[in-house]
Amino acid sequence: MSRVLSSDPHRTLSRFRLTISAATLVMLASSWPLWIDSGEIPRVPFVTAIPSLGAEGSTLVLVMLKLSIATAAVWGLFRRNDGIGVRLLEGAAVVLGTALVLGDQHRFQPWFYQFLMAFVFLSAGSAKEGIRWNRAFIIGIYVHSGLSKLDFSFTHETGLVFLQALCRPIGLHPESWANPTRAAAILAMPAGEILVGLGLIFRKTRRIALLGTIAQHLALVAILGPWGLNHSLNVLLWNLALIVENVLLFSRELDDPREAENRRTLAPLARLALAVALVMPLTERLGFWDAWPSFALYAGHVERVEVFVQEDELPRLPSSLRACLAPEGAWRQVDLTAWSRAIRGTPVNPQARACLGIAEGLALWNGRPRLVLVRWWSRADPRNGRRESIEALGAEQIHKLGDRYHLNAHPAIRKGIGDASRR
């Protein structure tokens, strides 16, 4: 097996930094309204005390973030990766990106989470440590993504939709297959994710696993692209970027890991962050960790929030909302994901508390109570898909429903519904 990487790990890491930086900059640009505190979609911070930066402040932070990412990427091509200047730029990008995420939970997109963790690893360790830590994190993406789909909900809901989108171009109709055959074909998707993730761990299986990751991402692009389910541009960009990143990280072998390396002060913190990122997703089904940082991507079991607005309230709600409503009924269901994709270029955070915050914000639109109905659904039972549901009508009831969460589930600006509903 080739040992080219052992001769110059800094070059490989520079190329990896350049790739993930370029991809992140493009995705930030395509979703720029998400990062600006404009107010068209209610902002839901992680903590209620976090103030709004305003349009000007958030724009300034976003510009500074982009400059730090771009400068670190370019500087790293010409200077050694352990240079203090590159590390400071990477650290600044992590701080600025984290500040933006804390201000709105819907900014905690999976691709941005990967970027933040990658820059933590790059800034805290040597070149070889940065490669190993980023490898481990990406392996965790595949393993946890696969584990999150091994249940009844994925087999009978999202998985079937994916299988139909994949088979439609070749004239196959999975809905007509026998149940065991269809279930086996659907479960092969998450099983494949787990297998390639585990295969990337070992040298003997790494090359074939790498080919497996490429095939999986190309299949996802086919399923989620404009010729398939037509998901957001960033979903496609992230899948394509991961192909390049995986080739850079896994196509060549590191030299002897026992070789002495310069120790970094922040390396223990980076190892702790990696351990948390790899272990805590195992608690996602118990409610201790969110779906996106658990890489429960397109998993069917996560909590759900359905939002309905009364027909008479539509003239007093955002005009952009009207294109994302169910076509009929006195109560019109809001497609929060479609609304977010249309306005911000990204889907909403699937976490129920983040969606409840948007619903409460709609119920308080322009500082006056609006007739908004929420139907909250619990996580699905992995064996049979069963859920519990609760309905809440109006801002006060929605607010009380959100109070069950430890992290904030309320919009940033709340006014006009009386003292009894204020925190």
Protein backbone atom coordinates (compact mmCIF):
# COMPACT_ATOMS: atom_id res chain seq x y z
CA MET A 1 0.00 0.00 0.00
CA SER A 2 1.25 3.46 -0.83
CA ARG A 3 3.06 5.35 1.92
CA VAL A 4 3.22 8.72 0.19
CA LEU A 5 1.37 10.36 3.07
CA SER A 6 4.15 9.49 5.50
CA SER A 7 6.55 11.70 3.56
CA ASP A 8 4.47 14.86 3.89
CA PRO A 9 1.34 14.72 6.12
CA HIS A 10 1.26 18.53 6.14
CA ARG A 11 0.49 18.63 2.42
CA THR A 12 -2.41 16.21 2.81
CA LEU A 13 -3.81 18.15 5.72
CA SER A 14 -3.47 21.42 3.79
CA ARG A 15 -5.48 19.95 0.94
CA PHE A 16 -8.10 18.66 3.35
CA ARG A 17 -8.34 22.08 4.98
CA LEU A 18 -8.68 23.73 1.58
CA THR A 19 -11.42 21.29 0.52
CA ILE A 20 -13.58 21.58 3.63
CA SER A 21 -13.03 25.35 3.74
CA ALA A 22 -14.07 25.83 0.12
CA ALA A 23 -17.14 23.63 0.57
CA THR A 24 -18.14 25.46 3.76
CA LEU A 25 -17.72 28.88 2.14
CA VAL A 26 -19.93 27.84 -0.79
CA MET A 27 -22.58 26.43 1.55
CA LEU A 28 -22.49 29.54 3.73
CA ALA A 29 -23.02 31.64 0.61
CA SER A 30 -25.92 29.53 -0.64
CA SER A 31 -27.62 29.73 2.77
CA TRP A 32 -26.65 33.29 3.74
CA PRO A 33 -30.15 34.33 4.98
CA LEU A 34 -29.85 31.64 7.68
CA TRP A 35 -26.89 33.45 9.22
CA ILE A 36 -28.41 36.96 9.23
CA ASP A 37 -30.80 37.95 12.03
CA SER A 38 -33.44 39.24 9.62
CA GLY A 39 -36.53 38.06 11.50
CA GLU A 40 -38.58 36.61 8.62
CA ILE A 41 -38.40 33.19 10.27
CA PRO A 42 -38.45 33.36 14.09
CA ARG A 43 -35.00 32.93 15.63
CA VAL A 44 -34.66 30.21 18.29
CA PRO A 45 -31.42 30.61 20.29
CA PHE A 46 -29.96 27.78 22.34
CA VAL A 47 -30.28 29.92 25.47
CA THR A 48 -32.90 32.64 25.97
CA ALA A 49 -30.32 35.09 27.34
CA ILE A 50 -28.39 35.19 24.06
CA PRO A 51 -29.20 38.56 22.46
CA SER A 52 -29.77 39.14 18.79
CA LEU A 53 -26.80 40.52 16.90
CA GLY A 54 -29.18 42.26 14.53
CA ALA A 55 -28.80 42.27 10.77
CA GLU A 56 -25.65 44.39 10.84
CA GLY A 57 -23.98 42.53 13.71
CA SER A 58 -24.65 39.06 12.34
CA THR A 59 -23.50 40.16 8.89
CA LEU A 60 -20.24 41.41 10.40
CA VAL A 61 -19.68 38.13 12.24
CA LEU A 62 -20.47 36.16 9.08
CA VAL A 63 -17.98 38.22 7.04
CA MET A 64 -15.31 37.73 9.71
CA LEU A 65 -16.03 34.00 9.74
CA LYS A 66 -15.64 33.73 5.97
CA LEU A 67 -12.41 35.74 6.02
CA SER A 68 -10.89 33.58 8.75
CA ILE A 69 -11.83 30.38 6.89
CA ALA A 70 -10.50 31.59 3.55
CA THR A 71 -7.29 33.01 5.00
CA ALA A 72 -6.55 29.84 6.99
CA ALA A 73 -7.09 27.70 3.90
CA VAL A 74 -4.83 29.76 1.67
CA TRP A 75 -2.18 30.39 4.34
CA GLY A 76 -2.05 26.67 5.12
CA LEU A 77 -1.07 25.91 1.54
CA PHE A 78 2.14 27.92 1.84
CA ARG A 79 3.03 27.55 5.52
CA ARG A 80 3.40 24.52 7.73
CA ASN A 81 0.16 23.40 9.38
CA ASP A 82 1.60 23.86 12.85
CA GLY A 83 2.19 27.57 12.29
CA ILE A 84 0.67 29.73 14.99
CA GLY A 85 -0.97 32.04 12.45
CA VAL A 86 -2.96 29.25 10.80
CA ARG A 87 -3.99 27.86 14.18
CA LEU A 88 -5.21 31.26 15.39
CA LEU A 89 -7.30 31.67 12.24
CA GLU A 90 -8.79 28.21 12.69
CA GLY A 91 -9.57 28.96 16.32
CA ALA A 92 -11.16 32.29 15.37
CA ALA A 93 -13.37 30.50 12.83
CA VAL A 94 -14.51 28.03 15.48
CA VAL A 95 -15.36 30.84 17.93
CA LEU A 96 -17.21 32.95 15.34
CA GLY A 97 -19.10 29.95 13.95
CA THR A 98 -20.09 28.80 17.44
CA ALA A 99 -21.36 32.30 18.28
CA LEU A 100 -23.63 32.25 15.23
CA VAL A 101 -24.91 28.75 16.05
CA LEU A 102 -25.72 29.66 19.65
CA GLY A 103 -27.87 32.50 18.35
CA ASP A 104 -30.15 30.19 16.35
CA GLN A 105 -30.52 26.43 16.70
CA HIS A 106 -31.45 26.08 13.03
CA ARG A 107 -27.88 27.10 12.13
CA PHE A 108 -26.57 23.91 13.70
CA GLN A 109 -26.57 22.21 10.31
CA PRO A 110 -24.75 18.82 10.07
CA TRP A 111 -22.28 20.12 7.47
CA PHE A 112 -21.45 23.13 9.63
CA TYR A 113 -21.03 20.91 12.68
CA GLN A 114 -18.52 18.80 10.73
CA PHE A 115 -16.66 21.95 9.69
CA LEU A 116 -16.44 23.26 13.27
CA MET A 117 -15.13 19.93 14.56
CA ALA A 118 -12.65 19.65 11.69
CA PHE A 119 -11.19 23.06 12.52
CA VAL A 120 -11.02 22.14 16.21
CA PHE A 121 -8.95 19.08 15.30
CA LEU A 122 -6.76 21.00 12.85
CA SER A 123 -6.00 23.78 15.30
CA ALA A 124 -5.33 21.61 18.37
CA GLY A 125 -3.07 18.85 17.11
CA SER A 126 -0.11 17.99 14.92
CA ALA A 127 -0.62 17.13 11.25
CA LYS A 128 -0.89 13.40 11.96
CA GLU A 129 -3.23 13.96 14.90
CA GLY A 130 -5.42 16.22 12.76
CA ILE A 131 -5.70 13.48 10.16
CA ARG A 132 -6.45 10.74 12.68
CA TRP A 133 -9.05 12.80 14.55
CA ASN A 134 -10.83 13.83 11.37
CA ARG A 135 -10.77 10.24 10.19
CA ALA A 136 -12.37 9.08 13.44
CA PHE A 137 -15.04 11.76 13.25
CA ILE A 138 -16.00 10.84 9.67
CA ILE A 139 -16.10 7.15 10.60
CA GLY A 140 -18.51 8.15 13.37
CA ILE A 141 -20.73 9.91 10.83
CA TYR A 142 -21.25 6.71 8.86
CA VAL A 143 -21.66 4.37 11.83
CA HIS A 144 -24.10 6.58 13.74
CA SER A 145 -26.04 7.50 10.60
CA GLY A 146 -26.53 3.81 9.88
CA LEU A 147 -27.48 2.90 13.44
CA SER A 148 -30.10 5.67 13.54
CA LYS A 149 -31.98 4.05 10.65
CA LEU A 150 -32.20 0.46 11.91
CA ASP A 151 -35.82 0.63 13.02
CA PHE A 152 -39.45 0.36 11.95
CA SER A 153 -39.85 4.04 11.05
CA PHE A 154 -37.06 4.16 8.47
CA THR A 155 -38.13 0.84 6.93
CA HIS A 156 -41.73 1.97 6.43
CA GLU A 157 -41.30 5.71 5.81
CA THR A 158 -38.12 7.52 4.72
CA GLY A 159 -36.35 4.37 3.58
CA LEU A 160 -39.18 3.46 1.24
CA VAL A 161 -39.15 6.96 -0.26
CA PHE A 162 -35.39 6.68 -0.82
CA LEU A 163 -35.71 3.25 -2.41
CA GLN A 164 -38.46 4.44 -4.75
CA ALA A 165 -36.38 7.46 -5.80
CA LEU A 166 -33.38 5.22 -6.48
CA CYS A 167 -35.33 2.61 -8.42
CA ARG A 168 -37.65 4.87 -10.41
CA PRO A 169 -35.07 5.81 -13.10
CA ILE A 170 -34.49 2.13 -13.91
CA GLY A 171 -38.18 1.27 -14.05
CA LEU A 172 -38.48 -0.69 -10.79
CA HIS A 173 -41.38 -0.26 -8.35
CA PRO A 174 -40.42 -1.35 -4.80
CA GLU A 175 -43.94 -0.80 -3.46
CA SER A 176 -45.02 -3.88 -5.44
CA TRP A 177 -42.29 -6.11 -3.99
CA ALA A 178 -42.92 -8.67 -1.27
CA ASN A 179 -42.57 -7.17 2.20
CA PRO A 180 -39.41 -9.13 3.19
CA THR A 181 -37.67 -8.24 -0.08
CA ARG A 182 -38.55 -4.56 0.23
CA ALA A 183 -37.50 -4.41 3.89
CA ALA A 184 -34.18 -6.11 3.10
CA ALA A 185 -33.47 -3.63 0.29
CA ILE A 186 -34.25 -0.68 2.57
CA LEU A 187 -32.19 -1.94 5.50
CA ALA A 188 -29.27 -2.54 3.16
CA MET A 189 -28.83 1.25 3.05
CA PRO A 190 -28.06 1.79 6.77
CA ALA A 191 -26.23 -1.54 6.93
CA GLY A 192 -23.99 -0.31 4.13
CA GLU A 193 -23.26 2.90 6.04
CA ILE A 194 -22.21 0.94 9.11
CA LEU A 195 -20.07 -1.47 7.11
CA VAL A 196 -18.15 1.23 5.24
CA GLY A 197 -17.64 3.13 8.49
CA LEU A 198 -16.17 0.07 10.18
CA GLY A 199 -14.20 -0.77 7.06
CA LEU A 200 -12.48 2.61 7.14
CA ILE A 201 -10.96 1.73 10.52
CA PHE A 202 -8.74 -1.08 9.29
CA ARG A 203 -5.94 -0.87 6.75
CA LYS A 204 -6.87 -4.11 4.98
CA THR A 205 -10.44 -2.97 4.30
CA ARG A 206 -9.89 0.78 3.98
CA ARG A 207 -9.62 0.97 0.20
CA ILE A 208 -12.78 -1.04 -0.49
CA ALA A 209 -14.62 0.92 2.22
CA LEU A 210 -13.48 4.16 0.62
CA LEU A 211 -14.98 3.03 -2.68
CA GLY A 212 -18.14 2.18 -0.75
CA THR A 213 -18.40 5.71 0.65
CA ILE A 214 -18.02 7.17 -2.84
CA ALA A 215 -20.78 4.92 -4.17
CA GLN A 216 -23.06 5.85 -1.26
CA HIS A 217 -22.60 9.59 -1.69
CA LEU A 218 -23.17 9.39 -5.44
CA ALA A 219 -26.35 7.39 -4.77
CA LEU A 220 -27.50 10.04 -2.28
CA VAL A 221 -26.86 12.77 -4.84
CA ALA A 222 -29.01 10.83 -7.29
CA ILE A 223 -31.77 10.34 -4.70
CA LEU A 224 -31.75 13.87 -3.26
CA GLY A 225 -30.89 15.85 -6.39
CA PRO A 226 -33.24 17.83 -8.62
CA TRP A 227 -33.97 14.71 -10.67
CA GLY A 228 -34.98 12.88 -7.46
CA LEU A 229 -36.41 14.32 -4.24
CA ASN A 230 -35.08 17.82 -5.02
CA HIS A 231 -33.58 18.61 -1.64
CA SER A 232 -31.54 21.71 -0.86
CA LEU A 233 -28.34 22.53 -2.72
CA ASN A 234 -26.26 22.27 0.44
CA VAL A 235 -27.23 18.63 0.89
CA LEU A 236 -25.76 17.85 -2.53
CA LEU A 237 -22.67 19.99 -1.95
CA TRP A 238 -21.95 18.30 1.36
CA ASN A 239 -22.17 14.83 -0.18
CA LEU A 240 -19.81 15.81 -3.00
CA ALA A 241 -17.39 17.48 -0.57
CA LEU A 242 -17.29 14.36 1.60
CA ILE A 243 -16.18 12.31 -1.39
CA VAL A 244 -13.13 14.53 -1.89
CA GLU A 245 -12.42 14.74 1.85
CA ASN A 246 -12.57 10.96 2.22
CA VAL A 247 -10.17 10.43 -0.68
CA LEU A 248 -7.71 12.85 0.91
CA LEU A 249 -7.96 11.34 4.39
CA PHE A 250 -8.27 7.62 3.68
CA SER A 251 -6.56 6.85 0.38
CA ARG A 252 -3.07 6.79 1.90
CA GLU A 253 -1.61 5.47 5.12
CA LEU A 254 -0.05 7.34 7.99
CA ASP A 255 3.50 6.53 8.98
CA ASP A 256 4.33 4.73 12.21
CA PRO A 257 1.92 6.14 14.83
CA ARG A 258 4.58 5.58 17.51
CA GLU A 259 6.74 8.29 15.96
CA ALA A 260 7.25 11.20 18.34
CA GLU A 261 5.14 14.28 17.69
CA ASN A 262 5.14 17.79 19.07
CA ARG A 263 2.54 17.93 21.83
CA ARG A 264 -0.04 20.69 21.71
CA THR A 265 -1.57 22.39 24.71
CA LEU A 266 -5.11 22.04 23.39
CA ALA A 267 -4.73 18.43 22.23
CA PRO A 268 -6.40 16.95 25.36
CA LEU A 269 -9.44 19.19 24.80
CA ALA A 270 -9.65 18.07 21.17
CA ARG A 271 -9.51 14.42 22.24
CA LEU A 272 -12.28 15.06 24.75
CA ALA A 273 -14.38 16.77 22.07
CA LEU A 274 -13.86 13.80 19.76
CA ALA A 275 -14.82 11.33 22.50
CA VAL A 276 -18.03 13.26 23.21
CA ALA A 277 -18.84 13.49 19.50
CA LEU A 278 -18.43 9.73 19.07
CA VAL A 279 -20.09 8.49 22.27
CA MET A 280 -23.02 10.84 22.91
CA PRO A 281 -24.91 9.96 19.68
CA LEU A 282 -25.57 6.59 21.32
CA THR A 283 -27.89 8.45 23.72
CA GLU A 284 -29.91 10.23 21.01
CA ARG A 285 -32.87 7.85 21.21
CA LEU A 286 -33.00 8.48 24.97
CA GLY A 287 -33.27 12.24 24.41
CA PHE A 288 -29.83 13.21 25.74
CA TRP A 289 -28.32 14.26 22.39
CA ASP A 290 -29.79 15.99 19.35
CA ALA A 291 -30.48 14.25 16.06
CA TRP A 292 -28.16 16.29 13.82
CA PRO A 293 -24.99 16.05 15.97
CA SER A 294 -25.87 12.35 16.27
CA PHE A 295 -25.94 12.21 12.45
CA ALA A 296 -29.43 10.73 12.60
CA LEU A 297 -29.84 12.04 9.06
CA TYR A 298 -33.14 11.13 7.41
CA ALA A 299 -33.91 8.87 10.36
CA GLY A 300 -37.64 8.36 10.80
CA HIS A 301 -37.82 7.94 14.56
CA VAL A 302 -37.06 11.52 15.67
CA GLU A 303 -39.64 13.75 17.36
CA ARG A 304 -41.97 15.63 15.04
CA VAL A 305 -43.84 18.91 15.22
CA GLU A 306 -46.76 19.66 12.92
CA VAL A 307 -47.82 23.31 12.73
CA PHE A 308 -51.21 24.52 11.52
CA VAL A 309 -52.47 28.07 10.99
CA GLN A 310 -56.08 29.16 10.62
CA GLU A 311 -57.12 30.31 7.17
CA ASP A 312 -58.32 33.68 8.51
CA GLU A 313 -54.86 34.41 9.99
CA LEU A 314 -52.96 34.13 6.70
CA PRO A 315 -53.16 37.85 5.77
CA ARG A 316 -51.47 38.69 9.09
CA LEU A 317 -48.63 36.14 8.75
CA PRO A 318 -45.48 36.26 6.56
CA SER A 319 -46.43 36.24 2.89
CA SER A 320 -43.65 33.74 2.14
CA LEU A 321 -45.46 31.22 4.34
CA ARG A 322 -48.42 30.92 1.98
CA ALA A 323 -46.49 28.96 -0.65
CA CYS A 324 -45.62 26.34 1.98
CA LEU A 325 -49.12 25.45 3.19
CA ALA A 326 -51.34 22.44 2.63
CA PRO A 327 -53.77 23.32 -0.19
CA GLU A 328 -57.07 22.94 1.67
CA GLY A 329 -58.76 23.13 5.05
CA ALA A 330 -59.82 25.67 7.65
CA TRP A 331 -56.54 24.79 9.37
CA ARG A 332 -53.64 24.80 6.89
CA GLN A 333 -50.56 22.75 7.76
CA VAL A 334 -47.25 24.58 7.44
CA ASP A 335 -44.34 22.76 5.81
CA LEU A 336 -41.58 24.22 8.00
CA THR A 337 -38.81 22.52 6.01
CA ALA A 338 -40.11 23.88 2.69
CA TRP A 339 -40.46 27.35 4.21
CA SER A 340 -36.91 27.29 5.56
CA ARG A 341 -35.50 25.98 2.29
CA ALA A 342 -37.31 28.70 0.35
CA ILE A 343 -36.16 31.53 2.64
CA ARG A 344 -32.85 30.29 4.07
CA GLY A 345 -31.66 27.63 1.64
CA THR A 346 -31.48 24.94 4.35
CA PRO A 347 -33.97 22.64 6.13
CA VAL A 348 -35.11 23.39 9.66
CA ASN A 349 -33.42 21.69 12.56
CA PRO A 350 -35.57 18.55 13.09
CA GLN A 351 -35.33 18.85 16.86
CA ALA A 352 -38.83 19.37 18.24
CA ARG A 353 -37.87 22.23 20.54
CA ALA A 354 -36.41 24.21 17.60
CA CYS A 355 -39.62 23.75 15.59
CA LEU A 356 -41.75 24.65 18.62
CA GLY A 357 -39.82 27.91 18.82
CA ILE A 358 -40.79 28.75 15.23
CA ALA A 359 -44.41 27.84 15.93
CA GLU A 360 -44.50 30.04 19.03
CA GLY A 361 -42.96 32.85 17.01
CA LEU A 362 -45.75 32.53 14.43
CA ALA A 363 -48.31 32.55 17.23
CA LEU A 364 -46.83 35.91 18.33
CA TRP A 365 -46.23 37.36 14.89
CA ASN A 366 -45.93 41.16 15.00
CA GLY A 367 -46.46 41.06 18.76
CA ARG A 368 -50.09 39.94 18.65
CA PRO A 369 -51.61 36.49 19.40
CA ARG A 370 -52.33 34.42 16.30
CA LEU A 371 -54.33 31.21 15.98
CA VAL A 372 -51.60 28.60 15.59
CA LEU A 373 -52.07 24.91 16.40
CA VAL A 374 -49.19 22.56 17.14
CA ARG A 375 -49.28 18.78 17.18
CA TRP A 376 -46.21 17.34 18.89
CA TRP A 377 -45.21 13.73 18.28
CA SER A 378 -42.80 11.78 20.49
CA ARG A 379 -39.93 9.66 19.19
CA ALA A 380 -41.16 6.54 17.45
CA ASP A 381 -40.90 3.15 19.07
CA PRO A 382 -38.09 1.39 17.15
CA ARG A 383 -40.10 -1.87 17.01
CA ASN A 384 -43.48 -0.66 15.75
CA GLY A 385 -43.19 3.07 15.01
CA ARG A 386 -45.81 4.09 17.57
CA ARG A 387 -45.75 7.63 18.93
CA GLU A 388 -47.49 9.71 21.57
CA SER A 389 -48.97 13.05 20.59
CA ILE A 390 -49.90 16.31 22.32
CA GLU A 391 -51.78 19.28 20.84
CA ALA A 392 -51.24 22.90 21.84
CA LEU A 393 -53.33 25.86 20.64
CA GLY A 394 -52.01 29.41 20.83
CA ALA A 395 -48.82 30.93 22.15
CA GLU A 396 -49.39 30.15 25.83
CA GLN A 397 -49.98 26.44 25.31
CA ILE A 398 -47.13 26.16 22.81
CA HIS A 399 -44.88 27.93 25.31
CA LYS A 400 -45.81 25.45 28.06
CA LEU A 401 -45.15 22.55 25.71
CA GLY A 402 -41.68 23.96 25.02
CA ASP A 403 -40.95 24.31 28.73
CA ARG A 404 -40.48 20.54 28.99
CA TYR A 405 -37.06 20.87 27.33
CA HIS A 406 -33.83 21.68 29.17
CA LEU A 407 -32.54 23.80 26.27
CA ASN A 408 -34.49 26.77 24.98
CA ALA A 409 -37.60 26.04 22.89
CA HIS A 410 -38.88 29.62 22.56
CA PRO A 411 -38.37 32.38 20.00
CA ALA A 412 -35.96 35.18 20.73
CA ILE A 413 -38.61 37.92 20.79
CA ARG A 414 -41.78 37.38 22.77
CA LYS A 415 -44.26 40.14 23.33
CA GLY A 416 -47.93 40.97 23.22
CA ILE A 417 -49.56 37.93 24.84
CA GLY A 418 -49.65 38.90 28.50
CA ASP A 419 -47.47 38.42 31.54
CA ALA A 420 -48.71 34.93 32.24
CA SER A 421 -46.90 33.56 29.19
CA ARG A 422 -43.62 35.35 29.68
CA ARG A 423 -40.57 33.67 31.06
